[in-house]
N, C-alpha and C. Protein backbone atom coordinates (compact mmCIF):
# COMPACT_ATOMS: atom_id res chain seq x y z
N UNK A 1 119.79 148.77 109.33
CA UNK A 1 118.83 149.85 109.32
C UNK A 1 118.97 150.66 110.59
N UNK A 2 118.89 151.95 110.45
CA UNK A 2 118.93 152.84 111.60
C UNK A 2 117.54 152.90 112.24
N UNK A 3 117.48 153.47 113.41
CA UNK A 3 116.23 153.47 114.18
C UNK A 3 115.07 154.11 113.43
N UNK A 4 115.33 155.22 112.72
CA UNK A 4 114.26 155.87 111.97
C UNK A 4 113.68 154.97 110.90
N UNK A 5 114.54 154.25 110.20
CA UNK A 5 114.09 153.31 109.17
C UNK A 5 113.27 152.17 109.80
N UNK A 6 113.69 151.71 110.98
CA UNK A 6 112.97 150.62 111.65
C UNK A 6 111.59 151.09 112.10
N UNK A 7 111.52 152.31 112.65
CA UNK A 7 110.22 152.85 113.05
C UNK A 7 109.31 152.92 111.83
N UNK A 8 109.82 153.48 110.74
CA UNK A 8 109.05 153.59 109.50
C UNK A 8 108.62 152.21 109.01
N UNK A 9 109.55 151.26 109.01
CA UNK A 9 109.26 149.90 108.53
C UNK A 9 108.08 149.29 109.29
N UNK A 10 108.17 149.30 110.62
CA UNK A 10 107.12 148.66 111.42
C UNK A 10 105.81 149.46 111.38
N UNK A 11 105.91 150.79 111.35
CA UNK A 11 104.70 151.61 111.29
C UNK A 11 103.93 151.33 110.01
N UNK A 12 104.63 151.31 108.87
CA UNK A 12 103.94 151.05 107.61
C UNK A 12 103.47 149.60 107.53
N UNK A 13 104.24 148.69 108.11
CA UNK A 13 103.83 147.29 108.13
C UNK A 13 102.51 147.13 108.89
N UNK A 14 102.33 147.95 109.92
CA UNK A 14 101.10 147.91 110.72
C UNK A 14 99.99 148.76 110.12
N UNK A 15 100.28 149.44 109.01
CA UNK A 15 99.26 150.22 108.32
C UNK A 15 98.88 151.51 109.03
N UNK A 16 99.80 152.06 109.80
CA UNK A 16 99.52 153.30 110.55
C UNK A 16 100.09 154.51 109.81
N UNK A 17 99.32 155.59 109.81
CA UNK A 17 99.85 156.85 109.31
C UNK A 17 100.76 157.45 110.38
N UNK A 18 101.56 158.42 109.98
CA UNK A 18 102.41 159.10 110.96
C UNK A 18 101.55 159.80 112.01
N UNK A 19 100.47 160.43 111.58
CA UNK A 19 99.60 161.16 112.51
C UNK A 19 98.97 160.20 113.53
N UNK A 20 98.42 159.10 113.04
CA UNK A 20 97.78 158.13 113.93
C UNK A 20 98.80 157.56 114.93
N UNK A 21 99.95 157.16 114.41
CA UNK A 21 101.00 156.59 115.26
C UNK A 21 101.46 157.61 116.30
N UNK A 22 101.66 158.85 115.86
CA UNK A 22 102.10 159.90 116.79
C UNK A 22 101.08 160.18 117.87
N UNK A 23 99.81 160.17 117.51
CA UNK A 23 98.76 160.39 118.51
C UNK A 23 98.70 159.23 119.50
N UNK A 24 98.87 158.01 119.02
CA UNK A 24 98.92 156.85 119.92
C UNK A 24 100.10 156.96 120.88
N UNK A 25 101.18 157.61 120.42
CA UNK A 25 102.38 157.77 121.25
C UNK A 25 102.24 158.93 122.23
N UNK A 26 101.14 159.69 122.12
CA UNK A 26 100.88 160.76 123.08
C UNK A 26 101.14 162.17 122.58
N UNK A 27 101.45 162.33 121.30
CA UNK A 27 101.66 163.67 120.76
C UNK A 27 100.30 164.27 120.38
N UNK A 28 100.22 165.59 120.38
CA UNK A 28 98.97 166.25 120.05
C UNK A 28 98.64 166.02 118.58
N UNK A 29 97.37 166.14 118.26
CA UNK A 29 96.94 165.94 116.87
C UNK A 29 97.66 166.90 115.94
N UNK A 30 97.93 168.11 116.42
CA UNK A 30 98.58 169.14 115.60
C UNK A 30 100.03 168.80 115.26
N UNK A 31 100.73 168.12 116.17
CA UNK A 31 102.17 167.87 115.96
C UNK A 31 102.52 166.40 115.75
N UNK A 32 101.55 165.51 115.86
CA UNK A 32 101.84 164.07 115.84
C UNK A 32 102.60 163.62 114.60
N UNK A 33 102.13 164.00 113.41
CA UNK A 33 102.80 163.55 112.19
C UNK A 33 104.17 164.20 112.03
N UNK A 34 104.31 165.43 112.46
CA UNK A 34 105.61 166.12 112.36
C UNK A 34 106.64 165.43 113.24
N UNK A 35 106.24 165.11 114.47
CA UNK A 35 107.18 164.45 115.39
C UNK A 35 107.61 163.09 114.86
N UNK A 36 106.68 162.31 114.36
CA UNK A 36 107.04 160.98 113.84
C UNK A 36 107.92 161.14 112.60
N UNK A 37 107.62 162.10 111.74
CA UNK A 37 108.47 162.34 110.57
C UNK A 37 109.89 162.69 111.02
N UNK A 38 110.02 163.44 112.09
CA UNK A 38 111.35 163.79 112.61
C UNK A 38 112.09 162.55 113.10
N UNK A 39 111.39 161.66 113.77
CA UNK A 39 112.03 160.43 114.25
C UNK A 39 112.41 159.54 113.07
N UNK A 40 111.53 159.43 112.09
CA UNK A 40 111.81 158.56 110.95
C UNK A 40 112.94 159.11 110.08
N UNK A 41 113.06 160.42 109.98
CA UNK A 41 114.14 161.01 109.20
C UNK A 41 115.41 161.17 110.03
N UNK A 42 115.29 160.87 111.30
CA UNK A 42 116.40 160.92 112.26
C UNK A 42 116.92 162.33 112.52
N UNK A 43 116.05 163.33 112.31
CA UNK A 43 116.41 164.66 112.78
C UNK A 43 116.24 164.74 114.29
N UNK A 44 115.45 163.80 114.82
CA UNK A 44 115.32 163.59 116.26
C UNK A 44 115.56 162.12 116.54
N UNK A 45 116.19 161.84 117.67
CA UNK A 45 116.43 160.45 118.07
C UNK A 45 115.64 160.21 119.35
N UNK A 46 114.76 159.18 119.34
CA UNK A 46 113.95 158.95 120.53
C UNK A 46 114.77 158.45 121.71
N UNK A 47 114.42 158.94 122.90
CA UNK A 47 115.06 158.44 124.12
C UNK A 47 114.47 157.08 124.44
N UNK A 48 115.09 156.39 125.39
CA UNK A 48 114.71 155.02 125.70
C UNK A 48 113.23 154.87 126.03
N UNK A 49 112.67 155.81 126.81
CA UNK A 49 111.26 155.69 127.18
C UNK A 49 110.36 155.82 125.95
N UNK A 50 110.75 156.68 124.99
CA UNK A 50 109.96 156.83 123.77
C UNK A 50 110.11 155.59 122.89
N UNK A 51 111.30 155.01 122.83
CA UNK A 51 111.50 153.76 122.07
C UNK A 51 110.58 152.69 122.65
N UNK A 52 110.51 152.60 123.96
CA UNK A 52 109.65 151.61 124.61
C UNK A 52 108.18 151.87 124.27
N UNK A 53 107.78 153.15 124.25
CA UNK A 53 106.40 153.50 123.88
C UNK A 53 106.12 153.09 122.44
N UNK A 54 107.03 153.45 121.54
CA UNK A 54 106.85 153.09 120.12
C UNK A 54 106.76 151.57 119.97
N UNK A 55 107.65 150.85 120.64
CA UNK A 55 107.66 149.39 120.53
C UNK A 55 106.33 148.80 121.01
N UNK A 56 105.81 149.34 122.12
CA UNK A 56 104.52 148.86 122.63
C UNK A 56 103.40 149.06 121.63
N UNK A 57 103.36 150.23 121.02
CA UNK A 57 102.32 150.54 120.03
C UNK A 57 102.46 149.62 118.81
N UNK A 58 103.70 149.39 118.40
CA UNK A 58 103.94 148.57 117.21
C UNK A 58 103.90 147.07 117.48
N UNK A 59 103.88 146.70 118.76
CA UNK A 59 103.83 145.28 119.11
C UNK A 59 105.13 144.56 118.83
N UNK A 60 106.26 145.25 119.07
CA UNK A 60 107.57 144.65 118.84
C UNK A 60 108.44 144.84 120.08
N UNK A 61 109.52 144.09 120.16
CA UNK A 61 110.50 144.27 121.21
C UNK A 61 111.25 145.57 120.93
N UNK A 62 111.55 146.37 121.95
CA UNK A 62 112.31 147.61 121.70
C UNK A 62 113.61 147.37 120.95
N UNK A 63 114.21 146.21 121.12
CA UNK A 63 115.47 145.90 120.43
C UNK A 63 115.26 145.76 118.92
N UNK A 64 114.02 145.54 118.50
CA UNK A 64 113.73 145.47 117.07
C UNK A 64 113.79 146.86 116.43
N UNK A 65 113.71 147.90 117.25
CA UNK A 65 113.76 149.27 116.73
C UNK A 65 115.15 149.88 116.80
N UNK A 66 115.91 149.50 117.78
CA UNK A 66 117.21 150.14 118.01
C UNK A 66 118.31 149.44 117.22
N UNK A 67 119.44 150.11 117.12
CA UNK A 67 120.59 149.50 116.47
C UNK A 67 121.09 148.42 117.40
N UNK A 68 121.06 147.16 116.96
CA UNK A 68 121.35 146.05 117.86
C UNK A 68 122.81 145.97 118.29
N UNK A 69 122.99 145.45 119.49
CA UNK A 69 124.32 145.17 120.02
C UNK A 69 124.65 143.73 119.66
N UNK A 70 125.51 143.53 118.67
CA UNK A 70 125.79 142.17 118.21
C UNK A 70 126.65 141.38 119.17
N UNK A 71 127.05 142.00 120.27
CA UNK A 71 127.79 141.26 121.29
C UNK A 71 126.87 140.50 122.23
N UNK A 72 125.55 140.59 121.99
CA UNK A 72 124.60 139.78 122.76
C UNK A 72 123.82 138.91 121.78
N UNK A 73 123.36 137.77 122.24
CA UNK A 73 122.60 136.89 121.36
C UNK A 73 121.29 137.54 120.92
N UNK A 74 120.64 138.27 121.82
CA UNK A 74 119.39 138.94 121.45
C UNK A 74 119.65 140.00 120.40
N UNK A 75 120.70 140.80 120.59
CA UNK A 75 121.05 141.81 119.61
C UNK A 75 121.42 141.19 118.27
N UNK A 76 122.15 140.10 118.31
CA UNK A 76 122.53 139.40 117.09
C UNK A 76 121.29 138.87 116.37
N UNK A 77 120.35 138.31 117.12
CA UNK A 77 119.12 137.80 116.50
C UNK A 77 118.35 138.94 115.83
N UNK A 78 118.26 140.10 116.49
CA UNK A 78 117.55 141.22 115.87
C UNK A 78 118.29 141.74 114.64
N UNK A 79 119.60 141.62 114.63
CA UNK A 79 120.37 141.96 113.43
C UNK A 79 119.99 141.01 112.30
N UNK A 80 119.91 139.72 112.59
CA UNK A 80 119.52 138.75 111.57
C UNK A 80 118.09 138.99 111.09
N UNK A 81 117.19 139.35 112.01
CA UNK A 81 115.81 139.65 111.60
C UNK A 81 115.78 140.86 110.67
N UNK A 82 116.61 141.86 110.95
CA UNK A 82 116.69 143.04 110.09
C UNK A 82 117.24 142.65 108.72
N UNK A 83 118.23 141.76 108.70
CA UNK A 83 118.76 141.28 107.42
C UNK A 83 117.69 140.52 106.64
N UNK A 84 116.81 139.83 107.33
CA UNK A 84 115.71 139.16 106.65
C UNK A 84 114.78 140.19 106.02
N UNK A 85 114.42 141.21 106.81
CA UNK A 85 113.50 142.24 106.30
C UNK A 85 114.08 142.98 105.11
N UNK A 86 115.34 143.31 105.18
CA UNK A 86 115.93 144.18 104.17
C UNK A 86 116.59 143.44 103.02
N UNK A 87 117.21 142.30 103.31
CA UNK A 87 118.03 141.63 102.30
C UNK A 87 117.62 140.20 101.99
N UNK A 88 116.48 139.75 102.49
CA UNK A 88 116.00 138.43 102.12
C UNK A 88 116.72 137.26 102.78
N UNK A 89 117.46 137.53 103.86
CA UNK A 89 118.17 136.45 104.56
C UNK A 89 117.16 135.63 105.36
N UNK A 90 117.19 134.31 105.19
CA UNK A 90 116.30 133.44 105.96
C UNK A 90 117.10 132.32 106.61
N UNK A 91 116.56 131.79 107.67
CA UNK A 91 117.17 130.67 108.36
C UNK A 91 116.36 129.42 108.05
N UNK A 92 117.07 128.32 107.91
CA UNK A 92 116.43 127.04 107.60
C UNK A 92 117.22 125.95 108.30
N UNK A 93 116.71 124.75 108.29
CA UNK A 93 117.42 123.60 108.83
C UNK A 93 117.60 122.61 107.69
N UNK A 94 118.86 122.22 107.43
CA UNK A 94 119.09 121.30 106.31
C UNK A 94 118.91 119.86 106.77
N UNK A 95 119.15 118.92 105.86
CA UNK A 95 118.87 117.51 106.11
C UNK A 95 119.66 116.92 107.27
N UNK A 96 120.85 117.44 107.54
CA UNK A 96 121.64 116.90 108.66
C UNK A 96 121.38 117.63 109.97
N UNK A 97 120.38 118.54 109.98
CA UNK A 97 120.01 119.23 111.21
C UNK A 97 120.78 120.51 111.47
N UNK A 98 121.62 120.92 110.53
CA UNK A 98 122.37 122.16 110.69
C UNK A 98 121.52 123.36 110.31
N UNK A 99 121.71 124.47 111.02
CA UNK A 99 121.05 125.71 110.66
C UNK A 99 121.83 126.31 109.50
N UNK A 100 121.12 126.68 108.45
CA UNK A 100 121.74 127.30 107.29
C UNK A 100 121.01 128.61 106.99
N UNK A 101 121.75 129.56 106.46
CA UNK A 101 121.16 130.83 106.07
C UNK A 101 121.11 130.88 104.56
N UNK A 102 120.00 131.39 104.06
CA UNK A 102 119.81 131.52 102.61
C UNK A 102 119.37 132.94 102.32
N UNK A 103 119.62 133.36 101.09
CA UNK A 103 119.22 134.69 100.65
C UNK A 103 118.23 134.54 99.51
N UNK A 104 117.04 135.06 99.69
CA UNK A 104 116.04 135.07 98.63
C UNK A 104 116.30 136.30 97.78
N UNK A 105 117.10 136.11 96.74
CA UNK A 105 117.53 137.25 95.94
C UNK A 105 116.42 137.87 95.11
N UNK A 106 115.28 137.19 94.99
CA UNK A 106 114.16 137.76 94.24
C UNK A 106 113.36 138.74 95.09
N UNK A 107 113.66 138.84 96.38
CA UNK A 107 112.88 139.69 97.27
C UNK A 107 113.02 141.17 96.94
N UNK A 108 114.22 141.61 96.57
CA UNK A 108 114.43 143.04 96.31
C UNK A 108 115.75 143.26 95.59
N UNK A 109 115.96 144.48 95.15
CA UNK A 109 117.23 144.84 94.54
C UNK A 109 118.35 144.68 95.56
N UNK A 110 118.07 145.08 96.81
CA UNK A 110 119.07 144.95 97.87
C UNK A 110 119.40 143.49 98.13
N UNK A 111 118.39 142.62 98.11
CA UNK A 111 118.62 141.19 98.34
C UNK A 111 119.52 140.60 97.26
N UNK A 112 119.28 141.00 96.02
CA UNK A 112 120.10 140.49 94.91
C UNK A 112 121.55 140.98 95.05
N UNK A 113 121.72 142.25 95.43
CA UNK A 113 123.07 142.79 95.62
C UNK A 113 123.76 142.09 96.79
N UNK A 114 123.04 141.89 97.87
CA UNK A 114 123.59 141.19 99.04
C UNK A 114 123.98 139.77 98.67
N UNK A 115 123.15 139.10 97.87
CA UNK A 115 123.45 137.75 97.42
C UNK A 115 124.79 137.71 96.69
N UNK A 116 125.00 138.65 95.79
CA UNK A 116 126.23 138.67 95.00
C UNK A 116 127.46 138.86 95.89
N UNK A 117 127.34 139.71 96.91
CA UNK A 117 128.45 139.92 97.82
C UNK A 117 128.68 138.67 98.68
N UNK A 118 127.60 138.08 99.19
CA UNK A 118 127.71 136.87 100.00
C UNK A 118 128.25 135.70 99.18
N UNK A 119 127.88 135.65 97.90
CA UNK A 119 128.38 134.60 97.01
C UNK A 119 129.90 134.69 96.88
N UNK A 120 130.41 135.90 96.77
CA UNK A 120 131.86 136.09 96.69
C UNK A 120 132.52 135.57 97.97
N UNK A 121 131.96 135.92 99.11
CA UNK A 121 132.48 135.45 100.41
C UNK A 121 132.45 133.92 100.45
N UNK A 122 131.33 133.34 100.01
CA UNK A 122 131.19 131.88 100.04
C UNK A 122 132.25 131.21 99.16
N UNK A 123 132.54 131.79 98.02
CA UNK A 123 133.54 131.20 97.13
C UNK A 123 134.93 131.25 97.76
N UNK A 124 135.28 132.38 98.38
CA UNK A 124 136.57 132.50 99.05
C UNK A 124 136.64 131.55 100.24
N UNK A 125 135.56 131.47 100.99
CA UNK A 125 135.49 130.56 102.14
C UNK A 125 135.66 129.11 101.69
N UNK A 126 135.03 128.77 100.58
CA UNK A 126 135.14 127.42 100.01
C UNK A 126 136.60 127.11 99.63
N UNK A 127 137.27 128.10 99.04
CA UNK A 127 138.68 127.91 98.69
C UNK A 127 139.52 127.66 99.93
N UNK A 128 139.22 128.38 101.00
CA UNK A 128 139.96 128.19 102.26
C UNK A 128 139.70 126.80 102.83
N UNK A 129 138.46 126.39 102.87
CA UNK A 129 138.09 125.09 103.44
C UNK A 129 138.68 123.93 102.62
N UNK A 130 138.85 124.13 101.32
CA UNK A 130 139.41 123.09 100.45
C UNK A 130 140.93 123.14 100.37
N UNK A 131 141.55 124.06 101.12
CA UNK A 131 143.01 124.15 101.13
C UNK A 131 143.61 124.85 99.93
N UNK A 132 142.78 125.50 99.12
CA UNK A 132 143.30 126.21 97.95
C UNK A 132 143.98 127.52 98.34
N UNK A 133 143.55 128.11 99.45
CA UNK A 133 144.20 129.31 99.99
C UNK A 133 144.43 129.09 101.48
N UNK A 134 145.38 129.82 102.06
CA UNK A 134 145.66 129.64 103.49
C UNK A 134 144.83 130.62 104.34
N UNK A 135 144.90 130.44 105.64
CA UNK A 135 144.13 131.26 106.58
C UNK A 135 144.49 132.73 106.46
N UNK A 136 145.75 133.04 106.27
CA UNK A 136 146.16 134.44 106.14
C UNK A 136 145.51 135.10 104.92
N UNK A 137 145.46 134.37 103.83
CA UNK A 137 144.84 134.91 102.61
C UNK A 137 143.35 135.11 102.82
N UNK A 138 142.72 134.13 103.47
CA UNK A 138 141.28 134.24 103.77
C UNK A 138 141.02 135.43 104.68
N UNK A 139 141.82 135.56 105.74
CA UNK A 139 141.64 136.69 106.66
C UNK A 139 141.89 138.02 105.97
N UNK A 140 142.89 138.04 105.08
CA UNK A 140 143.17 139.27 104.33
C UNK A 140 141.94 139.69 103.54
N UNK A 141 141.26 138.73 102.92
CA UNK A 141 140.03 139.01 102.18
C UNK A 141 138.98 139.60 103.13
N UNK A 142 138.76 138.93 104.26
CA UNK A 142 137.70 139.36 105.18
C UNK A 142 137.98 140.72 105.79
N UNK A 143 139.20 140.97 106.19
CA UNK A 143 139.50 142.18 106.95
C UNK A 143 139.78 143.39 106.10
N UNK A 144 139.95 143.20 104.80
CA UNK A 144 140.14 144.35 103.91
C UNK A 144 139.01 144.46 102.89
N UNK A 145 137.97 143.66 103.08
CA UNK A 145 136.83 143.67 102.17
C UNK A 145 136.27 145.09 102.08
N UNK A 146 135.94 145.60 100.92
CA UNK A 146 135.89 144.96 99.62
C UNK A 146 137.15 145.11 98.78
N UNK A 147 138.17 145.76 99.33
CA UNK A 147 139.36 146.04 98.51
C UNK A 147 139.97 144.78 97.90
N UNK A 148 139.92 143.65 98.60
CA UNK A 148 140.54 142.42 98.10
C UNK A 148 139.60 141.60 97.22
N UNK A 149 138.45 142.15 96.92
CA UNK A 149 137.48 141.44 96.09
C UNK A 149 137.52 142.02 94.68
N UNK A 150 138.14 141.32 93.74
CA UNK A 150 138.24 141.86 92.37
C UNK A 150 136.88 141.98 91.69
N UNK A 151 135.88 141.23 92.18
CA UNK A 151 134.56 141.28 91.57
C UNK A 151 133.63 142.28 92.24
N UNK A 152 134.16 143.01 93.24
CA UNK A 152 133.29 143.92 93.99
C UNK A 152 132.71 144.97 93.07
N UNK A 153 131.43 145.10 93.15
CA UNK A 153 130.73 146.12 92.38
C UNK A 153 129.68 146.71 93.30
N UNK A 154 130.03 147.84 93.86
CA UNK A 154 129.12 148.48 94.81
C UNK A 154 127.83 148.85 94.11
N UNK A 155 126.75 148.42 94.68
CA UNK A 155 125.43 148.74 94.15
C UNK A 155 124.77 149.67 95.15
N UNK A 156 124.46 150.89 94.76
CA UNK A 156 123.86 151.82 95.72
C UNK A 156 122.57 151.27 96.28
N UNK A 157 122.34 151.54 97.56
CA UNK A 157 121.14 151.06 98.22
C UNK A 157 119.96 151.97 97.90
N UNK A 158 118.85 151.38 97.59
CA UNK A 158 117.63 152.13 97.34
C UNK A 158 116.79 152.13 98.61
N UNK A 159 116.10 153.21 98.84
CA UNK A 159 115.17 153.21 99.97
C UNK A 159 114.03 152.26 99.61
N UNK A 160 113.39 151.65 100.63
CA UNK A 160 112.28 150.74 100.33
C UNK A 160 111.18 151.43 99.52
N UNK A 161 110.91 152.73 99.80
CA UNK A 161 109.88 153.44 99.05
C UNK A 161 110.26 153.61 97.59
N UNK A 162 111.52 153.97 97.33
CA UNK A 162 111.97 154.13 95.95
C UNK A 162 111.95 152.80 95.22
N UNK A 163 112.38 151.75 95.92
CA UNK A 163 112.35 150.43 95.29
C UNK A 163 110.92 150.04 94.91
N UNK A 164 109.97 150.31 95.81
CA UNK A 164 108.57 149.99 95.55
C UNK A 164 108.07 150.77 94.33
N UNK A 165 108.44 152.04 94.25
CA UNK A 165 108.04 152.86 93.11
C UNK A 165 108.63 152.33 91.81
N UNK A 166 109.90 151.92 91.85
CA UNK A 166 110.54 151.38 90.65
C UNK A 166 109.89 150.08 90.22
N UNK A 167 109.58 149.20 91.17
CA UNK A 167 108.92 147.94 90.84
C UNK A 167 107.55 148.20 90.21
N UNK A 168 106.80 149.15 90.80
CA UNK A 168 105.48 149.50 90.28
C UNK A 168 105.59 150.04 88.85
N UNK A 169 106.57 150.91 88.63
CA UNK A 169 106.78 151.48 87.29
C UNK A 169 107.17 150.40 86.29
N UNK A 170 108.02 149.46 86.73
CA UNK A 170 108.45 148.38 85.84
C UNK A 170 107.26 147.49 85.47
N UNK A 171 106.42 147.15 86.45
CA UNK A 171 105.25 146.32 86.17
C UNK A 171 104.33 147.03 85.18
N UNK A 172 104.13 148.32 85.39
CA UNK A 172 103.27 149.10 84.51
C UNK A 172 103.84 149.11 83.09
N UNK A 173 105.15 149.30 82.99
CA UNK A 173 105.80 149.34 81.68
C UNK A 173 105.67 148.00 80.96
N UNK A 174 105.75 146.90 81.73
CA UNK A 174 105.64 145.57 81.11
C UNK A 174 104.22 145.32 80.60
N UNK A 175 103.21 145.91 81.23
CA UNK A 175 101.82 145.72 80.81
C UNK A 175 101.52 146.50 79.56
N UNK A 176 102.22 147.61 79.34
CA UNK A 176 101.92 148.49 78.18
C UNK A 176 102.50 147.96 76.90
């Protein structure tokens, strides 16, 4: 998720309107909602001091709003948290004490699509671990993905708002 999507995600999660959030950030009542809409649509990109202000208002770490640097453990953790929010990725501990990641594919259309892609990776990885394919073949899959995946079926990403509208429409249709 880009910074605008993260701002929108946390703002709506906190139940704040754009106007209210913008006024809390110090914008005038007249321009507050416009400025926040610009940040969320990414026609404007907030500078570091504004990111810190937004994070304080939202009660999150500034790294939760920015595009994470996966070369740091903190950045990597925020990437995983974003994957949880968007694609249903969760961390768990299995019976032998190992950390395992799972995908709750019922969470959203994106989670189900992510599951299918991760399942393909898991199957190829399993073949490599069992000696059915060699390291070069496995690396070829990883480094040329999705071209080397015969089952690849790109599923367009829906915005969270559109997905919510589609779910609502589907529920309504099922009741009728």
